[in-house]
Amino acid sequence: MCTTNNVDYITIRKAMCNDARTLDELKVMTGVCTTCDGCKSELEKILLSVCGCKGVSLKEVVDTVADGADTIEKVGKITGAGTDCERCQALIANIIKLGR
Protein backbone atom coordinates (compact mmCIF):
# COMPACT_ATOMS: atom_id res chain seq x y z
CA MET A 1 0.00 0.00 0.00
CA CYS A 2 1.76 3.13 1.21
CA THR A 3 5.41 2.39 0.53
CA THR A 4 6.54 5.80 1.77
CA ASN A 5 5.20 5.32 5.32
CA ASN A 6 4.94 1.51 5.31
CA VAL A 7 1.17 1.32 5.82
CA ASP A 8 -0.41 -1.96 4.71
CA TYR A 9 -3.87 -2.93 3.47
CA ILE A 10 -4.95 -4.41 6.82
CA THR A 11 -4.16 -1.11 8.57
CA ILE A 12 -6.30 0.74 6.03
CA ARG A 13 -9.24 -1.66 6.50
CA LYS A 14 -8.96 -1.44 10.29
CA ALA A 15 -9.13 2.36 10.02
CA MET A 16 -12.28 1.99 7.92
CA CYS A 17 -13.74 -0.21 10.66
CA ASN A 18 -12.98 2.67 13.02
CA ASP A 19 -14.92 5.30 11.06
CA ALA A 20 -12.47 6.37 8.29
CA ARG A 21 -14.28 7.05 5.00
CA THR A 22 -12.11 9.69 3.29
CA LEU A 23 -8.48 10.05 2.23
CA ASP A 24 -8.01 12.77 4.83
CA GLU A 25 -9.40 10.53 7.59
CA LEU A 26 -7.14 7.67 6.45
CA LYS A 27 -4.15 10.02 6.42
CA VAL A 28 -4.80 11.07 10.02
CA MET A 29 -5.63 7.59 11.32
CA THR A 30 -2.95 5.57 9.53
CA GLY A 31 -0.23 7.91 8.34
CA VAL A 32 -0.64 7.10 4.64
CA CYS A 33 1.08 9.71 2.55
CA THR A 34 -1.58 9.84 -0.22
CA THR A 35 1.12 10.69 -2.77
CA CYS A 36 3.09 7.48 -3.44
CA ASP A 37 2.11 5.09 -6.24
CA GLY A 38 0.37 2.61 -3.90
CA CYS A 39 -1.67 5.34 -2.28
CA LYS A 40 -2.61 7.09 -5.51
CA SER A 41 -3.69 3.96 -7.30
CA GLU A 42 -5.30 1.92 -4.53
CA LEU A 43 -6.74 4.02 -1.70
CA GLU A 44 -9.78 5.30 -3.58
CA LYS A 45 -10.65 1.75 -4.69
CA ILE A 46 -10.33 0.45 -1.13
CA LEU A 47 -12.51 3.24 0.25
CA LEU A 48 -15.24 2.40 -2.28
CA SER A 49 -15.27 -1.33 -1.50
CA VAL A 50 -16.73 -3.29 1.41
CA CYS A 51 -16.72 -6.91 0.29
CA GLY A 52 -14.15 -8.11 -2.22
CA CYS A 53 -15.47 -11.68 -2.24
CA LYS A 54 -18.89 -10.61 -3.51
CA GLY A 55 -17.89 -7.32 -5.16
CA VAL A 56 -20.10 -5.22 -2.89
CA SER A 57 -19.43 -1.49 -2.76
CA LEU A 58 -19.64 0.89 0.18
CA LYS A 59 -22.53 2.66 -1.55
CA GLU A 60 -24.52 -0.59 -1.84
CA VAL A 61 -24.11 -1.29 1.87
CA VAL A 62 -24.87 2.29 2.91
CA ASP A 63 -27.99 2.31 0.73
CA THR A 64 -29.09 -1.05 2.16
CA VAL A 65 -28.66 0.27 5.70
CA ALA A 66 -30.54 3.45 4.79
CA ASP A 67 -33.36 1.24 3.51
CA GLY A 68 -33.65 -0.43 6.92
CA ALA A 69 -31.12 -3.27 7.10
CA ASP A 70 -29.91 -2.92 10.68
CA THR A 71 -27.87 -6.10 11.19
CA ILE A 72 -24.93 -7.72 9.45
CA GLU A 73 -27.19 -10.64 8.58
CA LYS A 74 -29.78 -8.42 6.90
CA VAL A 75 -27.11 -6.59 4.91
CA GLY A 76 -25.66 -9.95 3.89
CA LYS A 77 -29.01 -11.33 2.80
CA ILE A 78 -29.66 -8.31 0.57
CA THR A 79 -26.16 -7.63 -0.80
CA GLY A 80 -24.21 -10.82 -0.19
CA ALA A 81 -21.56 -8.85 1.73
CA GLY A 82 -20.08 -10.70 4.70
CA THR A 83 -21.49 -14.08 3.70
CA ASP A 84 -18.35 -15.69 2.26
CA CYS A 85 -15.17 -15.28 4.28
CA GLU A 86 -16.77 -12.89 6.80
CA ARG A 87 -13.72 -10.58 6.95
CA CYS A 88 -15.80 -7.54 6.05
CA GLN A 89 -18.34 -8.01 8.82
CA ALA A 90 -16.58 -5.55 11.15
CA LEU A 91 -16.78 -2.90 8.43
CA ILE A 92 -20.44 -3.68 7.81
CA ALA A 93 -21.11 -3.31 11.55
CA ASN A 94 -19.35 0.07 11.48
CA ILE A 95 -21.43 1.21 8.51
CA ILE A 96 -24.60 0.20 10.37
CA LYS A 97 -23.41 2.13 13.43
CA LEU A 98 -22.49 5.28 11.48
CA GLY A 99 -25.02 5.07 8.69
CA ARG A 100 -22.23 5.97 6.24
C-alpha atoms as a PDB file:
ATOM      1  CA  MET A   1       0.000   0.000   0.000  1.00  0.00           C
ATOM      2  CA  CYS A   2       1.761   3.130   1.207  1.00  0.00           C
ATOM      3  CA  THR A   3       5.411   2.391   0.525  1.00  0.00           C
ATOM      4  CA  THR A   4       6.536   5.800   1.769  1.00  0.00           C
ATOM      5  CA  ASN A   5       5.195   5.321   5.316  1.00  0.00           C
ATOM      6  CA  ASN A   6       4.943   1.512   5.312  1.00  0.00           C
ATOM      7  CA  VAL A   7       1.172   1.320   5.816  1.00  0.00           C
ATOM      8  CA  ASP A   8      -0.413  -1.957   4.715  1.00  0.00           C
ATOM      9  CA  TYR A   9      -3.869  -2.933   3.474  1.00  0.00           C
ATOM     10  CA  ILE A  10      -4.948  -4.405   6.825  1.00  0.00           C
ATOM     11  CA  THR A  11      -4.162  -1.112   8.575  1.00  0.00           C
ATOM     12  CA  ILE A  12      -6.303   0.739   6.030  1.00  0.00           C
ATOM     13  CA  ARG A  13      -9.242  -1.663   6.499  1.00  0.00           C
ATOM     14  CA  LYS A  14      -8.959  -1.436  10.295  1.00  0.00           C
ATOM     15  CA  ALA A  15      -9.126   2.362  10.022  1.00  0.00           C
ATOM     16  CA  MET A  16     -12.280   1.990   7.921  1.00  0.00           C
ATOM     17  CA  CYS A  17     -13.736  -0.213  10.659  1.00  0.00           C
ATOM     18  CA  ASN A  18     -12.982   2.669  13.019  1.00  0.00           C
ATOM     19  CA  ASP A  19     -14.924   5.303  11.058  1.00  0.00           C
ATOM     20  CA  ALA A  20     -12.466   6.374   8.287  1.00  0.00           C
ATOM     21  CA  ARG A  21     -14.279   7.051   5.000  1.00  0.00           C
ATOM     22  CA  THR A  22     -12.114   9.691   3.287  1.00  0.00           C
ATOM     23  CA  LEU A  23      -8.483  10.048   2.228  1.00  0.00           C
ATOM     24  CA  ASP A  24      -8.014  12.771   4.833  1.00  0.00           C
ATOM     25  CA  GLU A  25      -9.399  10.530   7.586  1.00  0.00           C
ATOM     26  CA  LEU A  26      -7.138   7.670   6.454  1.00  0.00           C
ATOM     27  CA  LYS A  27      -4.154  10.016   6.424  1.00  0.00           C
ATOM     28  CA  VAL A  28      -4.801  11.075  10.018  1.00  0.00           C
ATOM     29  CA  MET A  29      -5.632   7.593  11.320  1.00  0.00           C
ATOM     30  CA  THR A  30      -2.946   5.568   9.527  1.00  0.00           C
ATOM     31  CA  GLY A  31      -0.226   7.906   8.342  1.00  0.00           C
ATOM     32  CA  VAL A  32      -0.637   7.095   4.635  1.00  0.00           C
ATOM     33  CA  CYS A  33       1.082   9.714   2.549  1.00  0.00           C
ATOM     34  CA  THR A  34      -1.583   9.837  -0.219  1.00  0.00           C
ATOM     35  CA  THR A  35       1.118  10.688  -2.774  1.00  0.00           C
ATOM     36  CA  CYS A  36       3.093   7.481  -3.444  1.00  0.00           C
ATOM     37  CA  ASP A  37       2.105   5.086  -6.244  1.00  0.00           C
ATOM     38  CA  GLY A  38       0.373   2.612  -3.897  1.00  0.00           C
ATOM     39  CA  CYS A  39      -1.668   5.340  -2.275  1.00  0.00           C
ATOM     40  CA  LYS A  40      -2.606   7.086  -5.507  1.00  0.00           C
ATOM     41  CA  SER A  41      -3.693   3.957  -7.304  1.00  0.00           C
ATOM     42  CA  GLU A  42      -5.297   1.924  -4.527  1.00  0.00           C
ATOM     43  CA  LEU A  43      -6.736   4.024  -1.696  1.00  0.00           C
ATOM     44  CA  GLU A  44      -9.782   5.296  -3.584  1.00  0.00           C
ATOM     45  CA  LYS A  45     -10.651   1.748  -4.687  1.00  0.00           C
ATOM     46  CA  ILE A  46     -10.334   0.447  -1.125  1.00  0.00           C
ATOM     47  CA  LEU A  47     -12.511   3.244   0.249  1.00  0.00           C
ATOM     48  CA  LEU A  48     -15.237   2.396  -2.276  1.00  0.00           C
ATOM     49  CA  SER A  49     -15.275  -1.328  -1.498  1.00  0.00           C
ATOM     50  CA  VAL A  50     -16.726  -3.290   1.408  1.00  0.00           C
ATOM     51  CA  CYS A  51     -16.720  -6.913   0.288  1.00  0.00           C
ATOM     52  CA  GLY A  52     -14.152  -8.105  -2.222  1.00  0.00           C
ATOM     53  CA  CYS A  53     -15.469 -11.676  -2.241  1.00  0.00           C
ATOM     54  CA  LYS A  54     -18.886 -10.613  -3.508  1.00  0.00           C
ATOM     55  CA  GLY A  55     -17.887  -7.323  -5.158  1.00  0.00           C
ATOM     56  CA  VAL A  56     -20.100  -5.219  -2.890  1.00  0.00           C
ATOM     57  CA  SER A  57     -19.434  -1.489  -2.758  1.00  0.00           C
ATOM     58  CA  LEU A  58     -19.643   0.885   0.177  1.00  0.00           C
ATOM     59  CA  LYS A  59     -22.532   2.660  -1.547  1.00  0.00           C
ATOM     60  CA  GLU A  60     -24.515  -0.585  -1.836  1.00  0.00           C
ATOM     61  CA  VAL A  61     -24.114  -1.291   1.873  1.00  0.00           C
ATOM     62  CA  VAL A  62     -24.866   2.294   2.915  1.00  0.00           C
ATOM     63  CA  ASP A  63     -27.988   2.307   0.727  1.00  0.00           C
ATOM     64  CA  THR A  64     -29.086  -1.045   2.165  1.00  0.00           C
ATOM     65  CA  VAL A  65     -28.659   0.268   5.701  1.00  0.00           C
ATOM     66  CA  ALA A  66     -30.538   3.454   4.793  1.00  0.00           C
ATOM     67  CA  ASP A  67     -33.358   1.240   3.514  1.00  0.00           C
ATOM     68  CA  GLY A  68     -33.648  -0.435   6.920  1.00  0.00           C
ATOM     69  CA  ALA A  69     -31.121  -3.274   7.100  1.00  0.00           C
ATOM     70  CA  ASP A  70     -29.914  -2.915  10.683  1.00  0.00           C
ATOM     71  CA  THR A  71     -27.873  -6.104  11.188  1.00  0.00           C
ATOM     72  CA  ILE A  72     -24.929  -7.724   9.449  1.00  0.00           C
ATOM     73  CA  GLU A  73     -27.185 -10.640   8.583  1.00  0.00           C
ATOM     74  CA  LYS A  74     -29.784  -8.422   6.896  1.00  0.00           C
ATOM     75  CA  VAL A  75     -27.113  -6.590   4.915  1.00  0.00           C
ATOM     76  CA  GLY A  76     -25.661  -9.952   3.887  1.00  0.00           C
ATOM     77  CA  LYS A  77     -29.014 -11.329   2.803  1.00  0.00           C
ATOM     78  CA  ILE A  78     -29.663  -8.315   0.573  1.00  0.00           C
ATOM     79  CA  THR A  79     -26.156  -7.627  -0.805  1.00  0.00           C
ATOM     80  CA  GLY A  80     -24.208 -10.824  -0.192  1.00  0.00           C
ATOM     81  CA  ALA A  81     -21.561  -8.851   1.732  1.00  0.00           C
ATOM     82  CA  GLY A  82     -20.082 -10.699   4.696  1.00  0.00           C
ATOM     83  CA  THR A  83     -21.489 -14.083   3.704  1.00  0.00           C
ATOM     84  CA  ASP A  84     -18.351 -15.692   2.259  1.00  0.00           C
ATOM     85  CA  CYS A  85     -15.166 -15.282   4.276  1.00  0.00           C
ATOM     86  CA  GLU A  86     -16.772 -12.889   6.796  1.00  0.00           C
ATOM     87  CA  ARG A  87     -13.716 -10.584   6.953  1.00  0.00           C
ATOM     88  CA  CYS A  88     -15.800  -7.542   6.049  1.00  0.00           C
ATOM     89  CA  GLN A  89     -18.341  -8.010   8.823  1.00  0.00           C
ATOM     90  CA  ALA A  90     -16.580  -5.554  11.150  1.00  0.00           C
ATOM     91  CA  LEU A  91     -16.776  -2.899   8.434  1.00  0.00           C
ATOM     92  CA  ILE A  92     -20.441  -3.683   7.810  1.00  0.00           C
ATOM     93  CA  ALA A  93     -21.108  -3.309  11.547  1.00  0.00           C
ATOM     94  CA  ASN A  94     -19.354   0.071  11.482  1.00  0.00           C
ATOM     95  CA  ILE A  95     -21.433   1.206   8.514  1.00  0.00           C
ATOM     96  CA  ILE A  96     -24.603   0.198  10.369  1.00  0.00           C
ATOM     97  CA  LYS A  97     -23.409   2.128  13.430  1.00  0.00           C
ATOM     98  CA  LEU A  98     -22.494   5.282  11.485  1.00  0.00           C
ATOM     99  CA  GLY A  99     -25.019   5.070   8.687  1.00  0.00           C
ATOM    100  CA  ARG A 100     -22.230   5.968   6.237  1.00  0.00           C
END
